[in-house]
Amino acid sequence: MSRWLWAGGATAAFMAFGSGRPLAPLRVATAGTNDPGALSVRGAGVLARTECPPGTAPDNDACVHLTRGAEDGPLAPALPNAHREKSGRWAQYEQIPRLPDRPSDYDAYRYPIPPGLPNGHYVVSGYDLDRPDENQRRGRTLSHVGHGGVDLPQAKGTPVKNIGLEHQEGDAEVLYAGHLFGTTVVTRHSLREGGRLRDYVVLFGHLDSIAAGLAPGAAMKEGDLVGAVGDTGSPSLVHLHYEVRRVREGVDLAKVPAGAQLLADSVSVVCDPRNVLPLK
């Protein structure tokens, strides 16, 4: 089903999202009118606007999502994809690709460290789990296939700072600090999506060190020190691996063992970080 942008007004016109072409106006009949072209909201299989939840509008017998707004909008679906592992096994997984209304340019966003590439660029290897198998990243040893985050090169020891995500409410919380992707910190961020809060986990990998005193349960404000850029678990390749995962519906992170379980498919699903990174 198409996504729609509610154009509002007395005629309740709809416009196809992204096309710029208005559809025929939908005129809703009210009591006492004799407009033969108007659609009765109580006709068979037709919904009234008052019967659809906030952030949606009626389209015959369905409530369709409106385009994403600053505080409300449809949740990004988890879509299937697959790649072939070193063993030859065909591995299938879920992932959340970049939403069409989010810029594709990685340099449009803010990151936990300054740009480390020439001309102010940040990302040396981007998210590719939404791409066909042959276009996904292969490591030199093929021990890992595909890339669920972004790699941000910088000098060893560069401070890594916490950043608030788009529509985040409250502070982030440290869930884990230890060995995972080399030396790693994992944080929880609560974002307002679709009129309610959803949890995301963020992974800071290959750190040289973790900030003093940082431990599970600690609150992380904007700009707080997470650690320092390094190459632990990635010898000679000094960079920050930054990965975002959306916590699955019904999962209580307080009941999930700290560490690798936070990244289990049953707990969270990998997400293109551009969906939630703050814009510059």
C-alpha atoms as a PDB file:
ATOM      1  CA  MET A   1       0.000   0.000   0.000  1.00  0.00           C
ATOM      2  CA  SER A   2       1.283   3.477  -0.825  1.00  0.00           C
ATOM      3  CA  ARG A   3       2.386   5.918   1.855  1.00  0.00           C
ATOM      4  CA  TRP A   4       0.396   9.155   1.970  1.00  0.00           C
ATOM      5  CA  LEU A   5       0.943  12.725   3.019  1.00  0.00           C
ATOM      6  CA  TRP A   6      -2.189  14.256   4.572  1.00  0.00           C
ATOM      7  CA  ALA A   7      -2.773  17.559   2.789  1.00  0.00           C
ATOM      8  CA  GLY A   8      -5.687  18.552   5.044  1.00  0.00           C
ATOM      9  CA  GLY A   9      -8.144  21.320   4.187  1.00  0.00           C
ATOM     10  CA  ALA A  10     -11.914  21.279   3.744  1.00  0.00           C
ATOM     11  CA  THR A  11     -11.733  18.844   0.830  1.00  0.00           C
ATOM     12  CA  ALA A  12      -9.411  16.455   2.669  1.00  0.00           C
ATOM     13  CA  ALA A  13      -7.103  16.012  -0.332  1.00  0.00           C
ATOM     14  CA  PHE A  14      -4.458  13.295  -0.326  1.00  0.00           C
ATOM     15  CA  MET A  15      -1.102  13.512  -2.066  1.00  0.00           C
ATOM     16  CA  ALA A  16       1.094  10.533  -2.914  1.00  0.00           C
ATOM     17  CA  PHE A  17       4.225  10.725  -0.769  1.00  0.00           C
ATOM     18  CA  GLY A  18       7.269  11.625  -2.829  1.00  0.00           C
ATOM     19  CA  SER A  19       5.403  12.025  -6.121  1.00  0.00           C
ATOM     20  CA  GLY A  20       4.216  15.612  -5.734  1.00  0.00           C
ATOM     21  CA  ARG A  21       1.051  14.731  -7.676  1.00  0.00           C
ATOM     22  CA  PRO A  22      -2.257  15.307  -5.873  1.00  0.00           C
ATOM     23  CA  LEU A  23      -4.883  12.636  -6.157  1.00  0.00           C
ATOM     24  CA  ALA A  24      -8.558  13.393  -6.693  1.00  0.00           C
ATOM     25  CA  PRO A  25      -9.894  15.210  -3.633  1.00  0.00           C
ATOM     26  CA  LEU A  26     -11.846  13.093  -1.183  1.00  0.00           C
ATOM     27  CA  ARG A  27     -14.964  15.036  -0.142  1.00  0.00           C
ATOM     28  CA  VAL A  28     -16.554  13.782   3.021  1.00  0.00           C
ATOM     29  CA  ALA A  29     -20.314  14.272   3.259  1.00  0.00           C
ATOM     30  CA  THR A  30     -21.720  15.737   6.444  1.00  0.00           C
ATOM     31  CA  ALA A  31     -25.247  15.623   7.781  1.00  0.00           C
ATOM     32  CA  GLY A  32     -27.678  17.620   5.665  1.00  0.00           C
ATOM     33  CA  THR A  33     -25.467  17.922   2.570  1.00  0.00           C
ATOM     34  CA  ASN A  34     -26.595  16.885  -0.909  1.00  0.00           C
ATOM     35  CA  ASP A  35     -23.181  16.703  -2.547  1.00  0.00           C
ATOM     36  CA  PRO A  36     -23.461  13.723  -4.960  1.00  0.00           C
ATOM     37  CA  GLY A  37     -19.659  13.511  -5.287  1.00  0.00           C
ATOM     38  CA  ALA A  38     -19.012  13.330  -1.580  1.00  0.00           C
ATOM     39  CA  LEU A  39     -18.147  10.059   0.123  1.00  0.00           C
ATOM     40  CA  SER A  40     -20.226   9.078   3.135  1.00  0.00           C
ATOM     41  CA  VAL A  41     -17.937   8.185   6.008  1.00  0.00           C
ATOM     42  CA  ARG A  42     -20.512   5.660   7.160  1.00  0.00           C
ATOM     43  CA  GLY A  43     -20.698   3.846   3.835  1.00  0.00           C
ATOM     44  CA  ALA A  44     -19.955   0.139   3.777  1.00  0.00           C
ATOM     45  CA  GLY A  45     -16.260  -0.554   4.416  1.00  0.00           C
ATOM     46  CA  VAL A  46     -15.350   3.138   4.730  1.00  0.00           C
ATOM     47  CA  LEU A  47     -13.655   4.515   7.827  1.00  0.00           C
ATOM     48  CA  ALA A  48     -14.138   7.953   9.341  1.00  0.00           C
ATOM     49  CA  ARG A  49     -11.089  10.005  10.307  1.00  0.00           C
ATOM     50  CA  THR A  50     -12.140   9.751  13.951  1.00  0.00           C
ATOM     51  CA  GLU A  51     -11.898   5.957  13.725  1.00  0.00           C
ATOM     52  CA  CYS A  52      -8.198   6.014  12.802  1.00  0.00           C
ATOM     53  CA  PRO A  53      -5.429   6.471  15.398  1.00  0.00           C
ATOM     54  CA  PRO A  54      -3.210   9.580  15.476  1.00  0.00           C
ATOM     55  CA  GLY A  55      -0.636   9.636  12.702  1.00  0.00           C
ATOM     56  CA  THR A  56      -2.905   7.821  10.256  1.00  0.00           C
ATOM     57  CA  ALA A  57      -5.753   8.681   7.880  1.00  0.00           C
ATOM     58  CA  PRO A  58      -8.604   6.635   6.367  1.00  0.00           C
ATOM     59  CA  ASP A  59      -8.219   4.967   2.978  1.00  0.00           C
ATOM     60  CA  ASN A  60     -11.506   3.092   2.436  1.00  0.00           C
ATOM     61  CA  ASP A  61     -11.394   0.205   4.922  1.00  0.00           C
ATOM     62  CA  ALA A  62      -7.807   0.769   6.168  1.00  0.00           C
ATOM     63  CA  CYS A  63      -5.960   3.355   8.255  1.00  0.00           C
ATOM     64  CA  VAL A  64      -2.790   4.294   6.352  1.00  0.00           C
ATOM     65  CA  HIS A  65       0.267   5.872   7.957  1.00  0.00           C
ATOM     66  CA  LEU A  66       1.059   9.482   7.178  1.00  0.00           C
ATOM     67  CA  THR A  67       4.599  10.514   6.355  1.00  0.00           C
ATOM     68  CA  ARG A  68       7.032  10.755   9.273  1.00  0.00           C
ATOM     69  CA  GLY A  69       6.761  13.910  11.328  1.00  0.00           C
ATOM     70  CA  ALA A  70       9.048  15.435  13.921  1.00  0.00           C
ATOM     71  CA  GLU A  71       7.421  13.551  16.794  1.00  0.00           C
ATOM     72  CA  ASP A  72       5.259  10.844  15.244  1.00  0.00           C
ATOM     73  CA  GLY A  73       5.215   8.480  12.302  1.00  0.00           C
ATOM     74  CA  PRO A  74       5.260   4.869  11.143  1.00  0.00           C
ATOM     75  CA  LEU A  75       7.733   2.429  12.611  1.00  0.00           C
ATOM     76  CA  ALA A  76      10.403   1.168  10.264  1.00  0.00           C
ATOM     77  CA  PRO A  77       9.706  -2.447   9.315  1.00  0.00           C
ATOM     78  CA  ALA A  78      12.317  -5.151   9.756  1.00  0.00           C
ATOM     79  CA  LEU A  79      12.942  -6.612   6.298  1.00  0.00           C
ATOM     80  CA  PRO A  80      14.591  -9.910   5.384  1.00  0.00           C
ATOM     81  CA  ASN A  81      17.903 -10.231   3.578  1.00  0.00           C
ATOM     82  CA  ALA A  82      20.671 -12.826   3.312  1.00  0.00           C
ATOM     83  CA  HIS A  83      24.316 -13.431   2.478  1.00  0.00           C
ATOM     84  CA  ARG A  84      26.603 -16.398   1.918  1.00  0.00           C
ATOM     85  CA  GLU A  85      29.009 -17.143   4.758  1.00  0.00           C
ATOM     86  CA  LYS A  86      32.585 -18.427   4.461  1.00  0.00           C
ATOM     87  CA  SER A  87      31.357 -22.004   4.935  1.00  0.00           C
ATOM     88  CA  GLY A  88      29.050 -21.575   1.961  1.00  0.00           C
ATOM     89  CA  ARG A  89      25.939 -21.561   4.148  1.00  0.00           C
ATOM     90  CA  TRP A  90      23.191 -19.175   3.029  1.00  0.00           C
ATOM     91  CA  ALA A  91      22.438 -17.079   6.122  1.00  0.00           C
ATOM     92  CA  GLN A  92      19.148 -15.203   6.393  1.00  0.00           C
ATOM     93  CA  TYR A  93      18.520 -12.316   8.798  1.00  0.00           C
ATOM     94  CA  GLU A  94      16.287  -9.342   9.502  1.00  0.00           C
ATOM     95  CA  GLN A  95      17.486  -5.760   9.238  1.00  0.00           C
ATOM     96  CA  ILE A  96      15.996  -2.264   9.141  1.00  0.00           C
ATOM     97  CA  PRO A  97      17.159  -0.377   6.035  1.00  0.00           C
ATOM     98  CA  ARG A  98      17.530   3.376   5.731  1.00  0.00           C
ATOM     99  CA  LEU A  99      14.166   5.107   5.652  1.00  0.00           C
ATOM    100  CA  PRO A 100      13.574   7.006   2.391  1.00  0.00           C
ATOM    101  CA  ASP A 101      13.165  10.336   4.182  1.00  0.00           C
ATOM    102  CA  ARG A 102      16.608  10.099   5.817  1.00  0.00           C
ATOM    103  CA  PRO A 103      19.614  11.506   3.884  1.00  0.00           C
ATOM    104  CA  SER A 104      21.781   8.874   2.212  1.00  0.00           C
ATOM    105  CA  ASP A 105      24.916  11.028   2.649  1.00  0.00           C
ATOM    106  CA  TYR A 106      26.750   9.831   5.772  1.00  0.00           C
ATOM    107  CA  ASP A 107      28.288  13.279   6.162  1.00  0.00           C
ATOM    108  CA  ALA A 108      24.839  14.758   6.862  1.00  0.00           C
ATOM    109  CA  TYR A 109      24.956  13.312  10.400  1.00  0.00           C
ATOM    110  CA  ARG A 110      26.789  13.842  13.692  1.00  0.00           C
ATOM    111  CA  TYR A 111      29.029  11.114  15.129  1.00  0.00           C
ATOM    112  CA  PRO A 112      30.761  10.330  18.434  1.00  0.00           C
ATOM    113  CA  ILE A 113      34.174  11.358  17.040  1.00  0.00           C
ATOM    114  CA  PRO A 114      35.471  14.053  14.651  1.00  0.00           C
ATOM    115  CA  PRO A 115      35.882  13.252  10.936  1.00  0.00           C
ATOM    116  CA  GLY A 116      39.006  11.216  10.270  1.00  0.00           C
ATOM    117  CA  LEU A 117      39.077  11.121   6.481  1.00  0.00           C
ATOM    118  CA  PRO A 118      40.268  13.802   4.030  1.00  0.00           C
ATOM    119  CA  ASN A 119      37.911  16.705   3.302  1.00  0.00           C
ATOM    120  CA  GLY A 120      35.950  16.202   6.500  1.00  0.00           C
ATOM    121  CA  HIS A 121      34.461  12.787   5.703  1.00  0.00           C
ATOM    122  CA  TYR A 122      33.588  10.332   8.476  1.00  0.00           C
ATOM    123  CA  VAL A 123      32.732   6.847   7.222  1.00  0.00           C
ATOM    124  CA  VAL A 124      35.187   4.450   5.635  1.00  0.00           C
ATOM    125  CA  SER A 125      32.804   1.477   5.608  1.00  0.00           C
ATOM    126  CA  GLY A 126      29.046   1.883   5.817  1.00  0.00           C
ATOM    127  CA  TYR A 127      25.951  -0.174   6.529  1.00  0.00           C
ATOM    128  CA  ASP A 128      25.370  -2.806   3.839  1.00  0.00           C
ATOM    129  CA  LEU A 129      23.083  -5.502   5.280  1.00  0.00           C
ATOM    130  CA  ASP A 130      20.289  -4.201   3.047  1.00  0.00           C
ATOM    131  CA  ARG A 131      22.330  -4.750  -0.116  1.00  0.00           C
ATOM    132  CA  PRO A 132      22.533  -7.862  -2.306  1.00  0.00           C
ATOM    133  CA  ASP A 133      24.963 -10.545  -1.156  1.00  0.00           C
ATOM    134  CA  GLU A 134      27.601  -9.708  -3.753  1.00  0.00           C
ATOM    135  CA  ASN A 135      27.660  -6.055  -2.627  1.00  0.00           C
ATOM    136  CA  GLN A 136      28.178  -6.741   1.070  1.00  0.00           C
ATOM    137  CA  ARG A 137      31.562  -6.291   2.699  1.00  0.00           C
ATOM    138  CA  ARG A 138      33.927  -9.243   2.957  1.00  0.00           C
ATOM    139  CA  GLY A 139      36.753  -9.261   5.475  1.00  0.00           C
ATOM    140  CA  ARG A 140      40.240 -10.267   4.429  1.00  0.00           C
ATOM    141  CA  THR A 141      39.777 -13.695   6.007  1.00  0.00           C
ATOM    142  CA  LEU A 142      36.033 -13.966   5.229  1.00  0.00           C
ATOM    143  CA  SER A 143      35.471 -14.584   8.941  1.00  0.00           C
ATOM    144  CA  HIS A 144      32.791 -11.886   8.823  1.00  0.00           C
ATOM    145  CA  VAL A 145      30.373 -11.089   6.006  1.00  0.00           C
ATOM    146  CA  GLY A 146      28.288  -7.935   5.766  1.00  0.00           C
ATOM    147  CA  HIS A 147      28.461  -4.826   7.929  1.00  0.00           C
ATOM    148  CA  GLY A 148      25.764  -3.846  10.409  1.00  0.00           C
ATOM    149  CA  GLY A 149      27.190  -0.493  11.418  1.00  0.00           C
ATOM    150  CA  VAL A 150      29.619   2.191  10.277  1.00  0.00           C
ATOM    151  CA  ASP A 151      33.402   2.281  10.661  1.00  0.00           C
ATOM    152  CA  LEU A 152      34.796   5.666  11.660  1.00  0.00           C
ATOM    153  CA  PRO A 153      38.595   5.984  11.341  1.00  0.00           C
ATOM    154  CA  GLN A 154      40.487   8.301  13.683  1.00  0.00           C
ATOM    155  CA  ALA A 155      43.798   8.488  15.506  1.00  0.00           C
ATOM    156  CA  LYS A 156      44.287   6.013  18.327  1.00  0.00           C
ATOM    157  CA  GLY A 157      43.290   7.560  21.642  1.00  0.00           C
ATOM    158  CA  THR A 158      40.801  10.065  20.151  1.00  0.00           C
ATOM    159  CA  PRO A 159      38.005  10.650  22.699  1.00  0.00           C
ATOM    160  CA  VAL A 160      34.709   8.948  21.888  1.00  0.00           C
ATOM    161  CA  LYS A 161      31.702  10.886  23.219  1.00  0.00           C
ATOM    162  CA  ASN A 162      28.078   9.933  23.657  1.00  0.00           C
ATOM    163  CA  ILE A 163      25.588  11.572  21.293  1.00  0.00           C
ATOM    164  CA  GLY A 164      21.823  11.784  21.679  1.00  0.00           C
ATOM    165  CA  LEU A 165      19.836  10.092  18.922  1.00  0.00           C
ATOM    166  CA  GLU A 166      16.946  11.594  16.949  1.00  0.00           C
ATOM    167  CA  HIS A 167      13.833  11.941  19.149  1.00  0.00           C
ATOM    168  CA  GLN A 168      15.661  10.567  22.184  1.00  0.00           C
ATOM    169  CA  GLU A 169      14.074  11.223  25.561  1.00  0.00           C
ATOM    170  CA  GLY A 170      16.175  11.293  28.712  1.00  0.00           C
ATOM    171  CA  ASP A 171      19.754  10.133  29.164  1.00  0.00           C
ATOM    172  CA  ALA A 172      21.309   7.043  27.644  1.00  0.00           C
ATOM    173  CA  GLU A 173      22.146   4.168  29.993  1.00  0.00           C
ATOM    174  CA  VAL A 174      25.245   1.983  29.973  1.00  0.00           C
ATOM    175  CA  LEU A 175      24.251  -1.683  29.570  1.00  0.00           C
ATOM    176  CA  TYR A 176      27.682  -3.240  29.130  1.00  0.00           C
ATOM    177  CA  ALA A 177      31.374  -2.339  29.298  1.00  0.00           C
ATOM    178  CA  GLY A 178      33.900  -5.036  28.477  1.00  0.00           C
ATOM    179  CA  HIS A 179      35.051  -7.372  25.729  1.00  0.00           C
ATOM    180  CA  LEU A 180      32.705  -7.901  22.778  1.00  0.00           C
ATOM    181  CA  PHE A 181      33.840  -6.216  19.544  1.00  0.00           C
ATOM    182  CA  GLY A 182      37.235  -5.835  21.112  1.00  0.00           C
ATOM    183  CA  THR A 183      36.831  -3.474  24.055  1.00  0.00           C
ATOM    184  CA  THR A 184      33.194  -2.388  23.811  1.00  0.00           C
ATOM    185  CA  VAL A 185      30.558  -0.204  25.440  1.00  0.00           C
ATOM    186  CA  VAL A 186      26.845  -0.814  24.811  1.00  0.00           C
ATOM    187  CA  THR A 187      24.261   1.840  25.700  1.00  0.00           C
ATOM    188  CA  ARG A 188      20.456   1.995  25.734  1.00  0.00           C
ATOM    189  CA  HIS A 189      18.578   4.962  24.223  1.00  0.00           C
ATOM    190  CA  SER A 190      14.800   5.523  24.409  1.00  0.00           C
ATOM    191  CA  LEU A 191      13.358   7.183  21.293  1.00  0.00           C
ATOM    192  CA  ARG A 192       9.841   8.473  20.750  1.00  0.00           C
ATOM    193  CA  GLU A 193       8.436   6.756  17.674  1.00  0.00           C
ATOM    194  CA  GLY A 194       4.832   6.366  16.611  1.00  0.00           C
ATOM    195  CA  GLY A 195       3.637   8.218  19.697  1.00  0.00           C
ATOM    196  CA  ARG A 196       5.460   6.003  22.213  1.00  0.00           C
ATOM    197  CA  LEU A 197       8.948   5.152  23.449  1.00  0.00           C
ATOM    198  CA  ARG A 198      11.063   2.461  21.785  1.00  0.00           C
ATOM    199  CA  ASP A 199      14.433   1.214  23.034  1.00  0.00           C
ATOM    200  CA  TYR A 200      17.552   1.072  20.882  1.00  0.00           C
ATOM    201  CA  VAL A 201      20.976  -0.268  21.816  1.00  0.00           C
ATOM    202  CA  VAL A 202      24.164   1.353  20.510  1.00  0.00           C
ATOM    203  CA  LEU A 203      27.510  -0.438  20.311  1.00  0.00           C
ATOM    204  CA  PHE A 204      30.867   1.363  20.481  1.00  0.00           C
ATOM    205  CA  GLY A 205      33.438  -1.231  19.354  1.00  0.00           C
ATOM    206  CA  HIS A 206      37.236  -1.674  19.107  1.00  0.00           C
ATOM    207  CA  LEU A 207      37.901   0.912  21.825  1.00  0.00           C
ATOM    208  CA  ASP A 208      41.430   1.400  23.113  1.00  0.00           C
ATOM    209  CA  SER A 209      40.035   2.077  26.589  1.00  0.00           C
ATOM    210  CA  ILE A 210      36.776   2.721  28.437  1.00  0.00           C
ATOM    211  CA  ALA A 211      36.197   5.973  30.330  1.00  0.00           C
ATOM    212  CA  ALA A 212      37.114   5.759  34.002  1.00  0.00           C
ATOM    213  CA  GLY A 213      34.231   4.724  36.222  1.00  0.00           C
ATOM    214  CA  LEU A 214      31.942   3.767  33.347  1.00  0.00           C
ATOM    215  CA  ALA A 215      29.872   0.728  34.353  1.00  0.00           C
ATOM    216  CA  PRO A 216      26.435  -0.798  33.696  1.00  0.00           C
ATOM    217  CA  GLY A 217      23.652   1.372  35.067  1.00  0.00           C
ATOM    218  CA  ALA A 218      25.516   4.655  34.578  1.00  0.00           C
ATOM    219  CA  ALA A 219      23.595   7.488  32.907  1.00  0.00           C
ATOM    220  CA  MET A 220      25.185   9.008  29.806  1.00  0.00           C
ATOM    221  CA  LYS A 221      24.429  12.587  28.848  1.00  0.00           C
ATOM    222  CA  GLU A 222      25.194  14.283  25.543  1.00  0.00           C
ATOM    223  CA  GLY A 223      28.964  14.719  25.274  1.00  0.00           C
ATOM    224  CA  ASP A 224      29.902  12.351  28.110  1.00  0.00           C
ATOM    225  CA  LEU A 225      33.109  10.393  27.519  1.00  0.00           C
ATOM    226  CA  VAL A 226      32.597   6.773  26.427  1.00  0.00           C
ATOM    227  CA  GLY A 227      36.240   5.865  25.857  1.00  0.00           C
ATOM    228  CA  ALA A 228      38.989   6.219  23.259  1.00  0.00           C
ATOM    229  CA  VAL A 229      39.386   5.042  19.662  1.00  0.00           C
ATOM    230  CA  GLY A 230      41.530   1.925  19.310  1.00  0.00           C
ATOM    231  CA  ASP A 231      42.053  -1.337  17.456  1.00  0.00           C
ATOM    232  CA  THR A 232      41.184  -3.986  20.047  1.00  0.00           C
ATOM    233  CA  GLY A 233      39.734  -6.981  18.259  1.00  0.00           C
ATOM    234  CA  SER A 234      40.812  -5.378  14.983  1.00  0.00           C
ATOM    235  CA  PRO A 235      44.632  -5.303  15.061  1.00  0.00           C
ATOM    236  CA  SER A 236      46.261  -2.511  13.020  1.00  0.00           C
ATOM    237  CA  LEU A 237      42.866  -1.188  11.835  1.00  0.00           C
ATOM    238  CA  VAL A 238      42.330   1.737  14.193  1.00  0.00           C
ATOM    239  CA  HIS A 239      38.698   2.854  14.055  1.00  0.00           C
ATOM    240  CA  LEU A 240      35.398   3.069  15.932  1.00  0.00           C
ATOM    241  CA  HIS A 241      32.741   0.527  15.021  1.00  0.00           C
ATOM    242  CA  TYR A 242      29.386   2.219  15.692  1.00  0.00           C
ATOM    243  CA  GLU A 243      26.316   0.002  15.461  1.00  0.00           C
ATOM    244  CA  VAL A 244      22.631   0.600  16.228  1.00  0.00           C
ATOM    245  CA  ARG A 245      20.022  -2.065  16.963  1.00  0.00           C
ATOM    246  CA  ARG A 246      16.303  -1.664  17.699  1.00  0.00           C
ATOM    247  CA  VAL A 247      15.051  -3.704  20.651  1.00  0.00           C
ATOM    248  CA  ARG A 248      12.296  -6.094  19.662  1.00  0.00           C
ATOM    249  CA  GLU A 249       8.722  -5.639  20.784  1.00  0.00           C
ATOM    250  CA  GLY A 250       8.061  -7.053  24.245  1.00  0.00           C
ATOM    251  CA  VAL A 251      11.727  -7.491  25.239  1.00  0.00           C
ATOM    252  CA  ASP A 252      12.647  -6.238  28.729  1.00  0.00           C
ATOM    253  CA  LEU A 253      16.335  -5.337  28.604  1.00  0.00           C
ATOM    254  CA  ALA A 254      16.524  -5.611  32.399  1.00  0.00           C
ATOM    255  CA  LYS A 255      16.056  -9.362  31.974  1.00  0.00           C
ATOM    256  CA  VAL A 256      18.651  -9.774  29.200  1.00  0.00           C
ATOM    257  CA  PRO A 257      22.138 -10.894  30.316  1.00  0.00           C
ATOM    258  CA  ALA A 258      24.727  -8.210  29.653  1.00  0.00           C
ATOM    259  CA  GLY A 259      27.067  -8.732  26.733  1.00  0.00           C
ATOM    260  CA  ALA A 260      26.553 -10.618  23.497  1.00  0.00           C
ATOM    261  CA  GLN A 261      22.929 -11.472  24.363  1.00  0.00           C
ATOM    262  CA  LEU A 262      22.022  -7.824  23.774  1.00  0.00           C
ATOM    263  CA  LEU A 263      22.859  -8.399  20.108  1.00  0.00           C
ATOM    264  CA  ALA A 264      20.987 -11.690  19.786  1.00  0.00           C
ATOM    265  CA  ASP A 265      18.410 -11.789  17.009  1.00  0.00           C
ATOM    266  CA  SER A 266      15.705 -12.612  19.541  1.00  0.00           C
ATOM    267  CA  VAL A 267      16.510  -9.413  21.489  1.00  0.00           C
ATOM    268  CA  SER A 268      17.298  -6.769  18.880  1.00  0.00           C
ATOM    269  CA  VAL A 269      17.405  -6.241  15.138  1.00  0.00           C
ATOM    270  CA  VAL A 270      20.181  -4.388  13.351  1.00  0.00           C
ATOM    271  CA  CYS A 271      19.258  -0.963  11.977  1.00  0.00           C
ATOM    272  CA  ASP A 272      20.825   1.404   9.459  1.00  0.00           C
ATOM    273  CA  PRO A 273      22.252   4.024  11.871  1.00  0.00           C
ATOM    274  CA  ARG A 274      21.182   6.865   9.586  1.00  0.00           C
ATOM    275  CA  ASN A 275      17.599   6.278  10.751  1.00  0.00           C
ATOM    276  CA  VAL A 276      18.430   7.550  14.238  1.00  0.00           C
ATOM    277  CA  LEU A 277      21.692   9.494  14.073  1.00  0.00           C
ATOM    278  CA  PRO A 278      21.225  13.222  14.742  1.00  0.00           C
ATOM    279  CA  LEU A 279      21.512  15.495  11.741  1.00  0.00           C
ATOM    280  CA  LYS A 280      24.155  18.208  11.706  1.00  0.00           C
END
